[in-house]
Amino acid sequence: MRFTLFKKSQGCQPCVATQRVLDRHGLREGQHYDVRYLDLDAEALRFAKGLGHNAAPVVYVNEDRHWSGFWPGRVDELAQEVDRGDG
């Protein structure tokens, strides 16, 4: 399972915190997920807003599963699914 983390390039504590939880679970950028920068990539910003999100970060797993903000419990669940090979 691969997912996308939409975040700001700087000045976003929830973005940093989310990436720390991912790191703690051994999930690595480029290996388990891709990063798109909301403040540098207009297409990424349009995509996130199109999902109804107005806060960073946005974790996008699939069309039916995505969220914005710092939700460590959801990241924990996602990490368990990646470990099991779900999806």
Protein backbone atom coordinates (compact mmCIF):
# COMPACT_ATOMS: atom_id res chain seq x y z
CA MET A 1 0.00 0.00 0.00
CA ARG A 2 1.32 3.39 -0.98
CA PHE A 3 -0.20 6.70 0.08
CA THR A 4 0.44 10.42 -0.32
CA LEU A 5 1.23 13.04 2.30
CA PHE A 6 0.28 16.55 1.21
CA LYS A 7 2.08 19.06 3.40
CA LYS A 8 3.57 22.54 3.52
CA SER A 9 7.27 22.94 2.85
CA GLN A 10 7.84 24.85 6.10
CA GLY A 11 6.09 26.34 9.12
CA CYS A 12 3.54 23.58 9.62
CA GLN A 13 3.82 21.85 12.98
CA PRO A 14 1.02 19.34 12.28
CA CYS A 15 2.89 18.39 9.09
CA VAL A 16 6.13 17.84 11.01
CA ALA A 17 4.31 15.88 13.72
CA THR A 18 2.59 13.63 11.18
CA GLN A 19 5.87 12.88 9.44
CA ARG A 20 7.48 12.08 12.81
CA VAL A 21 4.78 9.50 13.54
CA LEU A 22 5.34 8.00 10.08
CA ASP A 23 9.09 7.89 10.76
CA ARG A 24 8.51 6.28 14.15
CA HIS A 25 6.66 3.47 12.38
CA GLY A 26 9.47 3.04 9.88
CA LEU A 27 7.43 4.42 7.00
CA ARG A 28 9.75 6.25 4.64
CA GLU A 29 9.16 8.91 2.03
CA GLY A 30 9.74 7.45 -1.41
CA GLN A 31 9.40 3.88 -0.18
CA HIS A 32 5.98 3.84 1.47
CA TYR A 33 4.55 7.22 0.56
CA ASP A 34 4.96 10.21 -1.71
CA VAL A 35 5.08 13.84 -0.56
CA ARG A 36 3.45 16.73 -2.39
CA TYR A 37 3.91 20.29 -1.20
CA LEU A 38 0.71 22.29 -0.96
CA ASP A 39 2.50 25.64 -1.00
CA LEU A 40 4.74 24.81 -3.97
CA ASP A 41 2.46 22.70 -6.17
CA ALA A 42 -0.78 24.33 -7.34
CA GLU A 43 -2.11 21.01 -8.64
CA ALA A 44 -1.56 19.38 -5.24
CA LEU A 45 -3.39 22.24 -3.53
CA ARG A 46 -6.34 21.97 -5.96
CA PHE A 47 -6.48 18.20 -5.38
CA ALA A 48 -6.54 18.54 -1.57
CA LYS A 49 -9.15 21.30 -1.69
CA GLY A 50 -11.20 19.21 -4.11
CA LEU A 51 -11.36 16.53 -1.42
CA GLY A 52 -12.78 19.17 0.93
CA HIS A 53 -9.64 19.76 2.98
CA ASN A 54 -8.53 23.24 4.01
CA ALA A 55 -5.86 22.33 6.58
CA ALA A 56 -2.48 20.65 6.31
CA PRO A 57 -1.31 17.99 6.30
CA VAL A 58 -3.60 15.82 4.19
CA VAL A 59 -3.02 12.08 4.21
CA TYR A 60 -4.51 10.51 1.09
CA VAL A 61 -4.82 6.73 1.04
CA ASN A 62 -7.53 6.43 -1.60
CA GLU A 63 -10.70 8.13 -2.82
CA ASP A 64 -12.65 6.95 0.21
CA ARG A 65 -9.96 7.37 2.85
CA HIS A 66 -8.21 10.66 3.50
CA TRP A 67 -7.98 13.15 6.32
CA SER A 68 -6.42 16.47 7.22
CA GLY A 69 -4.66 17.61 10.36
CA PHE A 70 -2.60 15.72 12.91
CA TRP A 71 -4.29 12.40 13.72
CA PRO A 72 -1.66 10.09 15.24
CA GLY A 73 -4.18 7.30 15.84
CA ARG A 74 -5.12 7.21 12.18
CA VAL A 75 -1.45 7.18 11.21
CA ASP A 76 -0.90 4.29 13.66
CA GLU A 77 -3.73 2.33 11.99
CA LEU A 78 -2.34 3.09 8.54
CA ALA A 79 1.13 1.92 9.59
CA GLN A 80 -0.31 -1.37 10.86
CA GLU A 81 -2.04 -1.91 7.51
CA VAL A 82 1.20 -1.20 5.63
CA ASP A 83 3.03 -3.69 7.89
CA ARG A 84 0.39 -6.35 7.18
CA GLY A 85 0.47 -5.61 3.46
CA ASP A 86 -3.21 -4.65 3.35
CA GLY A 87 -4.44 -2.78 0.32
